[in-house]
Amino acid sequence: MKINPSTVSGQGGKPTVVSNGGKPAERGTLPPPNAPGSSAGAAVQLSALSTQLAALESSLAAGGAFDAGKVQEIKEAIRNGSLTVNAQAVAEKMLTGLQEMFGKVK
């Protein structure tokens, strides 16, 4: 696809989107799967990590795993400048997490 540069850069019109066939295409539409230049035969394989991330995302979406009231309190504390952070506790938790991640916890 290419965009006609004469209508871009604030000259008033929408850019013209041209498909591989040279015919103008509508915005938000895809060529039919059997169109020339389409990748109907292409296969997509997702890695195991992407599958795990998708499962985690769906479980978090279904679980309501956060306290909305607590989030609002933190937002308000940030807005009014009263949020205090215990740097020592944060550093210790980060180190513990890294040690667990790399399997060095005894």
PDB file of N, CA and C in Angstrom:
ATOM      1  N   MET A   1       0.836  -1.176   0.000  1.00  0.00           N
ATOM      2  CA  MET A   1       0.000   0.000   0.000  1.00  0.00           C
ATOM      3  C   MET A   1       0.876   1.232   0.000  1.00  0.00           C
ATOM      4  N   LYS A   2       0.412   2.253  -0.652  1.00  0.00           N
ATOM      5  CA  LYS A   2       1.146   3.501  -0.594  1.00  0.00           C
ATOM      6  C   LYS A   2       0.173   4.643  -0.368  1.00  0.00           C
ATOM      7  N   ILE A   3       0.684   5.733   0.170  1.00  0.00           N
ATOM      8  CA  ILE A   3      -0.131   6.901   0.459  1.00  0.00           C
ATOM      9  C   ILE A   3       0.290   8.004  -0.488  1.00  0.00           C
ATOM     10  N   ASN A   4      -0.681   8.623  -1.128  1.00  0.00           N
ATOM     11  CA  ASN A   4      -0.420   9.714  -2.045  1.00  0.00           C
ATOM     12  C   ASN A   4       0.067  10.921  -1.241  1.00  0.00           C
ATOM     13  N   PRO A   5       1.322  11.363  -1.386  1.00  0.00           N
ATOM     14  CA  PRO A   5       1.865  12.438  -0.558  1.00  0.00           C
ATOM     15  C   PRO A   5       1.235  13.799  -0.839  1.00  0.00           C
ATOM     16  N   SER A   6       0.547  14.002  -1.955  1.00  0.00           N
ATOM     17  CA  SER A   6       0.000  15.312  -2.264  1.00  0.00           C
ATOM     18  C   SER A   6      -1.151  15.697  -1.351  1.00  0.00           C
ATOM     19  N   THR A   7      -1.800  14.728  -0.711  1.00  0.00           N
ATOM     20  CA  THR A   7      -2.913  15.063   0.166  1.00  0.00           C
ATOM     21  C   THR A   7      -2.525  15.003   1.640  1.00  0.00           C
ATOM     22  N   VAL A   8      -1.281  14.682   1.929  1.00  0.00           N
ATOM     23  CA  VAL A   8      -0.806  14.629   3.299  1.00  0.00           C
ATOM     24  C   VAL A   8      -0.187  15.985   3.626  1.00  0.00           C
ATOM     25  N   SER A   9       0.126  16.272   4.838  1.00  0.00           N
ATOM     26  CA  SER A   9       0.763  17.503   5.302  1.00  0.00           C
ATOM     27  C   SER A   9      -0.199  18.681   5.286  1.00  0.00           C
ATOM     28  N   GLY A  10      -1.409  18.473   5.724  1.00  0.00           N
ATOM     29  CA  GLY A  10      -2.329  19.571   5.950  1.00  0.00           C
ATOM     30  C   GLY A  10      -2.878  20.238   4.711  1.00  0.00           C
ATOM     31  N   GLN A  11      -2.992  19.553   3.598  1.00  0.00           N
ATOM     32  CA  GLN A  11      -3.522  20.178   2.402  1.00  0.00           C
ATOM     33  C   GLN A  11      -5.014  19.934   2.271  1.00  0.00           C
ATOM     34  N   GLY A  12      -5.655  19.545   3.354  1.00  0.00           N
ATOM     35  CA  GLY A  12      -7.095  19.510   3.379  1.00  0.00           C
ATOM     36  C   GLY A  12      -7.770  18.183   3.105  1.00  0.00           C
ATOM     37  N   GLY A  13      -7.173  17.284   2.380  1.00  0.00           N
ATOM     38  CA  GLY A  13      -7.865  16.049   2.040  1.00  0.00           C
ATOM     39  C   GLY A  13      -7.294  14.859   2.768  1.00  0.00           C
ATOM     40  N   LYS A  14      -8.033  13.747   2.708  1.00  0.00           N
ATOM     41  CA  LYS A  14      -7.531  12.496   3.267  1.00  0.00           C
ATOM     42  C   LYS A  14      -6.509  11.928   2.298  1.00  0.00           C
ATOM     43  N   PRO A  15      -5.489  11.265   2.816  1.00  0.00           N
ATOM     44  CA  PRO A  15      -4.561  10.602   1.903  1.00  0.00           C
ATOM     45  C   PRO A  15      -5.268   9.483   1.151  1.00  0.00           C
ATOM     46  N   THR A  16      -4.863   9.270  -0.072  1.00  0.00           N
ATOM     47  CA  THR A  16      -5.426   8.191  -0.869  1.00  0.00           C
ATOM     48  C   THR A  16      -4.645   6.928  -0.588  1.00  0.00           C
ATOM     49  N   VAL A  17      -5.335   5.896  -0.163  1.00  0.00           N
ATOM     50  CA  VAL A  17      -4.692   4.625   0.130  1.00  0.00           C
ATOM     51  C   VAL A  17      -4.867   3.750  -1.096  1.00  0.00           C
ATOM     52  N   VAL A  18      -3.756   3.212  -1.610  1.00  0.00           N
ATOM     53  CA  VAL A  18      -3.793   2.408  -2.818  1.00  0.00           C
ATOM     54  C   VAL A  18      -3.329   1.004  -2.485  1.00  0.00           C
ATOM     55  N   SER A  19      -4.098   0.005  -2.903  1.00  0.00           N
ATOM     56  CA  SER A  19      -3.720  -1.379  -2.649  1.00  0.00           C
ATOM     57  C   SER A  19      -2.704  -1.818  -3.686  1.00  0.00           C
ATOM     58  N   ASN A  20      -2.218  -3.050  -3.554  1.00  0.00           N
ATOM     59  CA  ASN A  20      -1.220  -3.575  -4.492  1.00  0.00           C
ATOM     60  C   ASN A  20      -1.726  -3.598  -5.921  1.00  0.00           C
ATOM     61  N   GLY A  21      -3.023  -3.703  -6.117  1.00  0.00           N
ATOM     62  CA  GLY A  21      -3.590  -3.758  -7.452  1.00  0.00           C
ATOM     63  C   GLY A  21      -3.693  -2.400  -8.109  1.00  0.00           C
ATOM     64  N   GLY A  22      -3.395  -1.304  -7.411  1.00  0.00           N
ATOM     65  CA  GLY A  22      -3.448   0.020  -7.978  1.00  0.00           C
ATOM     66  C   GLY A  22      -4.811   0.676  -7.889  1.00  0.00           C
ATOM     67  N   LYS A  23      -5.792  -0.001  -7.286  1.00  0.00           N
ATOM     68  CA  LYS A  23      -7.127   0.569  -7.147  1.00  0.00           C
ATOM     69  C   LYS A  23      -7.256   1.168  -5.752  1.00  0.00           C
ATOM     70  N   PRO A  24      -7.942   2.321  -5.629  1.00  0.00           N
ATOM     71  CA  PRO A  24      -8.119   2.905  -4.291  1.00  0.00           C
ATOM     72  C   PRO A  24      -8.854   1.946  -3.369  1.00  0.00           C
ATOM     73  N   ALA A  25      -8.423   1.883  -2.130  1.00  0.00           N
ATOM     74  CA  ALA A  25      -9.037   1.011  -1.135  1.00  0.00           C
ATOM     75  C   ALA A  25      -9.716   1.867  -0.083  1.00  0.00           C
ATOM     76  N   GLU A  26     -10.766   1.356   0.500  1.00  0.00           N
ATOM     77  CA  GLU A  26     -11.455   2.047   1.571  1.00  0.00           C
ATOM     78  C   GLU A  26     -10.624   1.947   2.845  1.00  0.00           C
ATOM     79  N   ARG A  27     -10.727   2.966   3.701  1.00  0.00           N
ATOM     80  CA  ARG A  27     -10.043   2.911   4.986  1.00  0.00           C
ATOM     81  C   ARG A  27     -10.652   1.813   5.842  1.00  0.00           C
ATOM     82  N   GLY A  28      -9.810   1.059   6.517  1.00  0.00           N
ATOM     83  CA  GLY A  28     -10.266   0.028   7.433  1.00  0.00           C
ATOM     84  C   GLY A  28     -10.730  -1.252   6.761  1.00  0.00           C
ATOM     85  N   THR A  29     -10.476  -1.405   5.461  1.00  0.00           N
ATOM     86  CA  THR A  29     -10.865  -2.641   4.797  1.00  0.00           C
ATOM     87  C   THR A  29      -9.634  -3.417   4.394  1.00  0.00           C
ATOM     88  N   LEU A  30      -9.768  -4.696   4.295  1.00  0.00           N
ATOM     89  CA  LEU A  30      -8.676  -5.560   3.874  1.00  0.00           C
ATOM     90  C   LEU A  30      -9.031  -6.167   2.526  1.00  0.00           C
ATOM     91  N   PRO A  31      -8.038  -6.467   1.711  1.00  0.00           N
ATOM     92  CA  PRO A  31      -8.345  -7.124   0.443  1.00  0.00           C
ATOM     93  C   PRO A  31      -8.867  -8.526   0.715  1.00  0.00           C
ATOM     94  N   PRO A  32      -9.679  -9.072  -0.196  1.00  0.00           N
ATOM     95  CA  PRO A  32     -10.170 -10.440   0.003  1.00  0.00           C
ATOM     96  C   PRO A  32      -9.014 -11.423   0.055  1.00  0.00           C
ATOM     97  N   PRO A  33      -9.180 -12.555   0.752  1.00  0.00           N
ATOM     98  CA  PRO A  33      -8.078 -13.499   0.912  1.00  0.00           C
ATOM     99  C   PRO A  33      -7.513 -14.022  -0.398  1.00  0.00           C
ATOM    100  N   ASN A  34      -8.304 -14.052  -1.470  1.00  0.00           N
ATOM    101  CA  ASN A  34      -7.809 -14.580  -2.731  1.00  0.00           C
ATOM    102  C   ASN A  34      -7.299 -13.487  -3.662  1.00  0.00           C
ATOM    103  N   ALA A  35      -7.160 -12.250  -3.150  1.00  0.00           N
ATOM    104  CA  ALA A  35      -6.690 -11.141  -3.979  1.00  0.00           C
ATOM    105  C   ALA A  35      -5.213 -11.326  -4.301  1.00  0.00           C
ATOM    106  N   PRO A  36      -4.765 -10.818  -5.470  1.00  0.00           N
ATOM    107  CA  PRO A  36      -3.346 -10.928  -5.811  1.00  0.00           C
ATOM    108  C   PRO A  36      -2.500 -10.213  -4.756  1.00  0.00           C
ATOM    109  N   GLY A  37      -1.422 -10.825  -4.377  1.00  0.00           N
ATOM    110  CA  GLY A  37      -0.526 -10.222  -3.383  1.00  0.00           C
ATOM    111  C   GLY A  37      -0.949 -10.489  -1.950  1.00  0.00           C
ATOM    112  N   SER A  38      -2.079 -11.156  -1.727  1.00  0.00           N
ATOM    113  CA  SER A  38      -2.487 -11.442  -0.357  1.00  0.00           C
ATOM    114  C   SER A  38      -1.684 -12.634   0.158  1.00  0.00           C
ATOM    115  N   SER A  39      -1.664 -12.787   1.456  1.00  0.00           N
ATOM    116  CA  SER A  39      -0.895 -13.867   2.060  1.00  0.00           C
ATOM    117  C   SER A  39      -1.838 -14.904   2.651  1.00  0.00           C
ATOM    118  N   ALA A  40      -2.789 -15.386   1.849  1.00  0.00           N
ATOM    119  CA  ALA A  40      -3.770 -16.346   2.338  1.00  0.00           C
ATOM    120  C   ALA A  40      -3.121 -17.654   2.754  1.00  0.00           C
ATOM    121  N   GLY A  41      -2.007 -18.037   2.131  1.00  0.00           N
ATOM    122  CA  GLY A  41      -1.361 -19.294   2.461  1.00  0.00           C
ATOM    123  C   GLY A  41      -0.351 -19.168   3.581  1.00  0.00           C
ATOM    124  N   ALA A  42      -0.138 -17.975   4.119  1.00  0.00           N
ATOM    125  CA  ALA A  42       0.862 -17.778   5.166  1.00  0.00           C
ATOM    126  C   ALA A  42       0.369 -18.364   6.473  1.00  0.00           C
ATOM    127  N   ALA A  43       1.275 -18.955   7.212  1.00  0.00           N
ATOM    128  CA  ALA A  43       0.945 -19.538   8.508  1.00  0.00           C
ATOM    129  C   ALA A  43       1.627 -18.725   9.595  1.00  0.00           C
ATOM    130  N   VAL A  44       0.930 -18.536  10.691  1.00  0.00           N
ATOM    131  CA  VAL A  44       1.471 -17.799  11.827  1.00  0.00           C
ATOM    132  C   VAL A  44       1.555 -18.759  12.994  1.00  0.00           C
ATOM    133  N   GLN A  45       2.713 -18.815  13.624  1.00  0.00           N
ATOM    134  CA  GLN A  45       2.898 -19.658  14.799  1.00  0.00           C
ATOM    135  C   GLN A  45       3.282 -18.764  15.968  1.00  0.00           C
ATOM    136  N   LEU A  46       2.596 -18.943  17.077  1.00  0.00           N
ATOM    137  CA  LEU A  46       2.894 -18.180  18.281  1.00  0.00           C
ATOM    138  C   LEU A  46       3.825 -18.985  19.169  1.00  0.00           C
ATOM    139  N   SER A  47       4.717 -18.298  19.827  1.00  0.00           N
ATOM    140  CA  SER A  47       5.646 -18.979  20.721  1.00  0.00           C
ATOM    141  C   SER A  47       4.923 -19.418  21.993  1.00  0.00           C
ATOM    142  N   ALA A  48       5.576 -20.274  22.746  1.00  0.00           N
ATOM    143  CA  ALA A  48       5.010 -20.732  24.016  1.00  0.00           C
ATOM    144  C   ALA A  48       4.842 -19.555  24.972  1.00  0.00           C
ATOM    145  N   LEU A  49       5.760 -18.602  24.935  1.00  0.00           N
ATOM    146  CA  LEU A  49       5.669 -17.438  25.813  1.00  0.00           C
ATOM    147  C   LEU A  49       4.441 -16.603  25.479  1.00  0.00           C
ATOM    148  N   SER A  50       4.152 -16.423  24.196  1.00  0.00           N
ATOM    149  CA  SER A  50       2.971 -15.637  23.831  1.00  0.00           C
ATOM    150  C   SER A  50       1.692 -16.342  24.271  1.00  0.00           C
ATOM    151  N   THR A  51       1.684 -17.660  24.222  1.00  0.00           N
ATOM    152  CA  THR A  51       0.530 -18.419  24.694  1.00  0.00           C
ATOM    153  C   THR A  51       0.367 -18.246  26.201  1.00  0.00           C
ATOM    154  N   GLN A  52       1.472 -18.276  26.939  1.00  0.00           N
ATOM    155  CA  GLN A  52       1.426 -18.075  28.384  1.00  0.00           C
ATOM    156  C   GLN A  52       0.951 -16.668  28.725  1.00  0.00           C
ATOM    157  N   LEU A  53       1.428 -15.666  27.964  1.00  0.00           N
ATOM    158  CA  LEU A  53       1.007 -14.293  28.207  1.00  0.00           C
ATOM    159  C   LEU A  53      -0.485 -14.115  27.947  1.00  0.00           C
ATOM    160  N   ALA A  54      -0.990 -14.744  26.911  1.00  0.00           N
ATOM    161  CA  ALA A  54      -2.417 -14.668  26.614  1.00  0.00           C
ATOM    162  C   ALA A  54      -3.231 -15.293  27.744  1.00  0.00           C
ATOM    163  N   ALA A  55      -2.780 -16.422  28.267  1.00  0.00           N
ATOM    164  CA  ALA A  55      -3.475 -17.076  29.376  1.00  0.00           C
ATOM    165  C   ALA A  55      -3.431 -16.212  30.628  1.00  0.00           C
ATOM    166  N   LEU A  56      -2.295 -15.594  30.893  1.00  0.00           N
ATOM    167  CA  LEU A  56      -2.162 -14.718  32.053  1.00  0.00           C
ATOM    168  C   LEU A  56      -3.076 -13.506  31.917  1.00  0.00           C
ATOM    169  N   GLU A  57      -3.115 -12.929  30.720  1.00  0.00           N
ATOM    170  CA  GLU A  57      -3.975 -11.769  30.486  1.00  0.00           C
ATOM    171  C   GLU A  57      -5.441 -12.106  30.741  1.00  0.00           C
ATOM    172  N   SER A  58      -5.883 -13.250  30.243  1.00  0.00           N
ATOM    173  CA  SER A  58      -7.288 -13.622  30.432  1.00  0.00           C
ATOM    174  C   SER A  58      -7.593 -13.930  31.895  1.00  0.00           C
ATOM    175  N   SER A  59      -6.647 -14.533  32.612  1.00  0.00           N
ATOM    176  CA  SER A  59      -6.891 -14.826  34.024  1.00  0.00           C
ATOM    177  C   SER A  59      -6.913 -13.546  34.857  1.00  0.00           C
ATOM    178  N   LEU A  60      -6.066 -12.578  34.520  1.00  0.00           N
ATOM    179  CA  LEU A  60      -6.080 -11.309  35.238  1.00  0.00           C
ATOM    180  C   LEU A  60      -7.348 -10.522  34.938  1.00  0.00           C
ATOM    181  N   ALA A  61      -7.811 -10.578  33.704  1.00  0.00           N
ATOM    182  CA  ALA A  61      -9.024  -9.859  33.333  1.00  0.00           C
ATOM    183  C   ALA A  61     -10.236 -10.434  34.060  1.00  0.00           C
ATOM    184  N   ALA A  62     -10.257 -11.725  34.257  1.00  0.00           N
ATOM    185  CA  ALA A  62     -11.399 -12.375  34.900  1.00  0.00           C
ATOM    186  C   ALA A  62     -11.336 -12.289  36.416  1.00  0.00           C
ATOM    187  N   GLY A  63     -10.132 -12.132  36.967  1.00  0.00           N
ATOM    188  CA  GLY A  63      -9.960 -12.244  38.406  1.00  0.00           C
ATOM    189  C   GLY A  63     -10.174 -10.982  39.212  1.00  0.00           C
ATOM    190  N   GLY A  64     -10.109  -9.812  38.623  1.00  0.00           N
ATOM    191  CA  GLY A  64     -10.215  -8.593  39.417  1.00  0.00           C
ATOM    192  C   GLY A  64      -9.120  -8.549  40.467  1.00  0.00           C
ATOM    193  N   ALA A  65      -7.868  -8.732  40.060  1.00  0.00           N
ATOM    194  CA  ALA A  65      -6.751  -8.943  40.974  1.00  0.00           C
ATOM    195  C   ALA A  65      -6.216  -7.679  41.634  1.00  0.00           C
ATOM    196  N   PHE A  66      -6.882  -6.547  41.500  1.00  0.00           N
ATOM    197  CA  PHE A  66      -6.365  -5.359  42.157  1.00  0.00           C
ATOM    198  C   PHE A  66      -7.473  -4.653  42.921  1.00  0.00           C
ATOM    199  N   ASP A  67      -7.066  -3.866  43.887  1.00  0.00           N
ATOM    200  CA  ASP A  67      -7.989  -3.132  44.743  1.00  0.00           C
ATOM    201  C   ASP A  67      -8.146  -1.724  44.170  1.00  0.00           C
ATOM    202  N   ALA A  68      -9.278  -1.445  43.553  1.00  0.00           N
ATOM    203  CA  ALA A  68      -9.509  -0.149  42.908  1.00  0.00           C
ATOM    204  C   ALA A  68      -9.438   0.990  43.920  1.00  0.00           C
ATOM    205  N   GLY A  69      -9.882   0.744  45.140  1.00  0.00           N
ATOM    206  CA  GLY A  69      -9.817   1.780  46.177  1.00  0.00           C
ATOM    207  C   GLY A  69      -8.382   2.156  46.513  1.00  0.00           C
ATOM    208  N   LYS A  70      -7.530   1.149  46.609  1.00  0.00           N
ATOM    209  CA  LYS A  70      -6.113   1.385  46.908  1.00  0.00           C
ATOM    210  C   LYS A  70      -5.444   2.135  45.767  1.00  0.00           C
ATOM    211  N   VAL A  71      -5.777   1.764  44.535  1.00  0.00           N
ATOM    212  CA  VAL A  71      -5.219   2.450  43.369  1.00  0.00           C
ATOM    213  C   VAL A  71      -5.625   3.923  43.403  1.00  0.00           C
ATOM    214  N   GLN A  72      -6.882   4.207  43.732  1.00  0.00           N
ATOM    215  CA  GLN A  72      -7.357   5.592  43.795  1.00  0.00           C
ATOM    216  C   GLN A  72      -6.634   6.365  44.894  1.00  0.00           C
ATOM    217  N   GLU A  73      -6.401   5.729  46.041  1.00  0.00           N
ATOM    218  CA  GLU A  73      -5.660   6.377  47.132  1.00  0.00           C
ATOM    219  C   GLU A  73      -4.250   6.755  46.684  1.00  0.00           C
ATOM    220  N   ILE A  74      -3.581   5.844  45.979  1.00  0.00           N
ATOM    221  CA  ILE A  74      -2.221   6.107  45.508  1.00  0.00           C
ATOM    222  C   ILE A  74      -2.216   7.231  44.484  1.00  0.00           C
ATOM    223  N   LYS A  75      -3.186   7.221  43.572  1.00  0.00           N
ATOM    224  CA  LYS A  75      -3.282   8.304  42.584  1.00  0.00           C
ATOM    225  C   LYS A  75      -3.452   9.657  43.269  1.00  0.00           C
ATOM    226  N   GLU A  76      -4.317   9.690  44.258  1.00  0.00           N
ATOM    227  CA  GLU A  76      -4.562  10.941  44.981  1.00  0.00           C
ATOM    228  C   GLU A  76      -3.310  11.404  45.732  1.00  0.00           C
ATOM    229  N   ALA A  77      -2.593  10.461  46.343  1.00  0.00           N
ATOM    230  CA  ALA A  77      -1.357  10.807  47.055  1.00  0.00           C
ATOM    231  C   ALA A  77      -0.303  11.347  46.085  1.00  0.00           C
ATOM    232  N   ILE A  78      -0.244  10.795  44.891  1.00  0.00           N
ATOM    233  CA  ILE A  78       0.700  11.296  43.886  1.00  0.00           C
ATOM    234  C   ILE A  78       0.302  12.706  43.469  1.00  0.00           C
ATOM    235  N   ARG A  79      -0.997  12.918  43.223  1.00  0.00           N
ATOM    236  CA  ARG A  79      -1.478  14.243  42.798  1.00  0.00           C
ATOM    237  C   ARG A  79      -1.161  15.327  43.822  1.00  0.00           C
ATOM    238  N   ASN A  80      -1.395  15.037  45.104  1.00  0.00           N
ATOM    239  CA  ASN A  80      -1.192  16.087  46.110  1.00  0.00           C
ATOM    240  C   ASN A  80       0.205  16.071  46.723  1.00  0.00           C
ATOM    241  N   GLY A  81       1.083  15.199  46.246  1.00  0.00           N
ATOM    242  CA  GLY A  81       2.480  15.195  46.674  1.00  0.00           C
ATOM    243  C   GLY A  81       2.737  14.561  48.019  1.00  0.00           C
ATOM    244  N   SER A  82       1.805  13.777  48.534  1.00  0.00           N
ATOM    245  CA  SER A  82       1.989  13.186  49.860  1.00  0.00           C
ATOM    246  C   SER A  82       2.425  11.728  49.820  1.00  0.00           C
ATOM    247  N   LEU A  83       2.707  11.185  48.654  1.00  0.00           N
ATOM    248  CA  LEU A  83       3.129   9.789  48.547  1.00  0.00           C
ATOM    249  C   LEU A  83       4.560   9.653  49.039  1.00  0.00           C
ATOM    250  N   THR A  84       4.776   8.721  49.962  1.00  0.00           N
ATOM    251  CA  THR A  84       6.133   8.442  50.425  1.00  0.00           C
ATOM    252  C   THR A  84       6.475   7.003  50.059  1.00  0.00           C
ATOM    253  N   VAL A  85       7.715   6.802  49.648  1.00  0.00           N
ATOM    254  CA  VAL A  85       8.167   5.483  49.222  1.00  0.00           C
ATOM    255  C   VAL A  85       9.334   5.069  50.111  1.00  0.00           C
ATOM    256  N   ASN A  86       9.273   3.867  50.662  1.00  0.00           N
ATOM    257  CA  ASN A  86      10.352   3.326  51.467  1.00  0.00           C
ATOM    258  C   ASN A  86      11.347   2.660  50.511  1.00  0.00           C
ATOM    259  N   ALA A  87      12.405   3.396  50.168  1.00  0.00           N
ATOM    260  CA  ALA A  87      13.374   2.921  49.191  1.00  0.00           C
ATOM    261  C   ALA A  87      14.050   1.625  49.641  1.00  0.00           C
ATOM    262  N   GLN A  88      14.294   1.480  50.923  1.00  0.00           N
ATOM    263  CA  GLN A  88      14.922   0.270  51.447  1.00  0.00           C
ATOM    264  C   GLN A  88      14.045  -0.948  51.197  1.00  0.00           C
ATOM    265  N   ALA A  89      12.758  -0.829  51.477  1.00  0.00           N
ATOM    266  CA  ALA A  89      11.833  -1.954  51.274  1.00  0.00           C
ATOM    267  C   ALA A  89      11.716  -2.299  49.790  1.00  0.00           C
ATOM    268  N   VAL A  90      11.659  -1.286  48.934  1.00  0.00           N
ATOM    269  CA  VAL A  90      11.568  -1.525  47.492  1.00  0.00           C
ATOM    270  C   VAL A  90      12.819  -2.249  47.004  1.00  0.00           C
ATOM    271  N   ALA A  91      13.995  -1.789  47.436  1.00  0.00           N
ATOM    272  CA  ALA A  91      15.248  -2.409  47.009  1.00  0.00           C
ATOM    273  C   ALA A  91      15.332  -3.863  47.466  1.00  0.00           C
ATOM    274  N   GLU A  92      14.932  -4.130  48.723  1.00  0.00           N
ATOM    275  CA  GLU A  92      14.971  -5.502  49.229  1.00  0.00           C
ATOM    276  C   GLU A  92      14.038  -6.419  48.445  1.00  0.00           C
ATOM    277  N   LYS A  93      12.844  -5.930  48.125  1.00  0.00           N
ATOM    278  CA  LYS A  93      11.895  -6.750  47.371  1.00  0.00           C
ATOM    279  C   LYS A  93      12.380  -6.981  45.943  1.00  0.00           C
ATOM    280  N   MET A  94      13.010  -5.983  45.361  1.00  0.00           N
ATOM    281  CA  MET A  94      13.557  -6.156  44.015  1.00  0.00           C
ATOM    282  C   MET A  94      14.661  -7.208  44.014  1.00  0.00           C
ATOM    283  N   LEU A  95      15.562  -7.138  45.000  1.00  0.00           N
ATOM    284  CA  LEU A  95      16.653  -8.114  45.078  1.00  0.00           C
ATOM    285  C   LEU A  95      16.116  -9.522  45.329  1.00  0.00           C
ATOM    286  N   THR A  96      15.137  -9.637  46.208  1.00  0.00           N
ATOM    287  CA  THR A  96      14.537 -10.948  46.474  1.00  0.00           C
ATOM    288  C   THR A  96      13.898 -11.504  45.216  1.00  0.00           C
ATOM    289  N   GLY A  97      13.178 -10.665  44.488  1.00  0.00           N
ATOM    290  CA  GLY A  97      12.549 -11.098  43.249  1.00  0.00           C
ATOM    291  C   GLY A  97      13.563 -11.545  42.213  1.00  0.00           C
ATOM    292  N   LEU A  98      14.657 -10.802  42.094  1.00  0.00           N
ATOM    293  CA  LEU A  98      15.704 -11.184  41.143  1.00  0.00           C
ATOM    294  C   LEU A  98      16.364 -12.493  41.541  1.00  0.00           C
ATOM    295  N   GLN A  99      16.606 -12.662  42.831  1.00  0.00           N
ATOM    296  CA  GLN A  99      17.210 -13.908  43.295  1.00  0.00           C
ATOM    297  C   GLN A  99      16.293 -15.089  43.023  1.00  0.00           C
ATOM    298  N   GLU A 100      15.004 -14.904  43.233  1.00  0.00           N
ATOM    299  CA  GLU A 100      14.045 -15.988  42.949  1.00  0.00           C
ATOM    300  C   GLU A 100      13.995 -16.287  41.454  1.00  0.00           C
ATOM    301  N   MET A 101      14.038 -15.225  40.660  1.00  0.00           N
ATOM    302  CA  MET A 101      13.966 -15.403  39.222  1.00  0.00           C
ATOM    303  C   MET A 101      15.178 -16.173  38.697  1.00  0.00           C
ATOM    304  N   PHE A 102      16.343 -15.916  39.268  1.00  0.00           N
ATOM    305  CA  PHE A 102      17.550 -16.590  38.812  1.00  0.00           C
ATOM    306  C   PHE A 102      17.866 -17.830  39.637  1.00  0.00           C
ATOM    307  N   GLY A 103      16.976 -18.208  40.553  1.00  0.00           N
ATOM    308  CA  GLY A 103      17.111 -19.453  41.301  1.00  0.00           C
ATOM    309  C   GLY A 103      18.230 -19.462  42.326  1.00  0.00           C
ATOM    310  N   LYS A 104      18.551 -18.310  42.902  1.00  0.00           N
ATOM    311  CA  LYS A 104      19.657 -18.258  43.846  1.00  0.00           C
ATOM    312  C   LYS A 104      19.199 -18.185  45.301  1.00  0.00           C
ATOM    313  N   VAL A 105      17.924 -18.319  45.551  1.00  0.00           N
ATOM    314  CA  VAL A 105      17.425 -18.291  46.916  1.00  0.00           C
ATOM    315  C   VAL A 105      17.630 -19.668  47.528  1.00  0.00           C
ATOM    316  N   LYS A 106      18.200 -19.699  48.722  1.00  0.00           N
ATOM    317  CA  LYS A 106      18.500 -20.972  49.383  1.00  0.00           C
ATOM    318  C   LYS A 106      17.421 -21.375  50.324  1.00  0.00           C
TER     319      LYS A 106
END
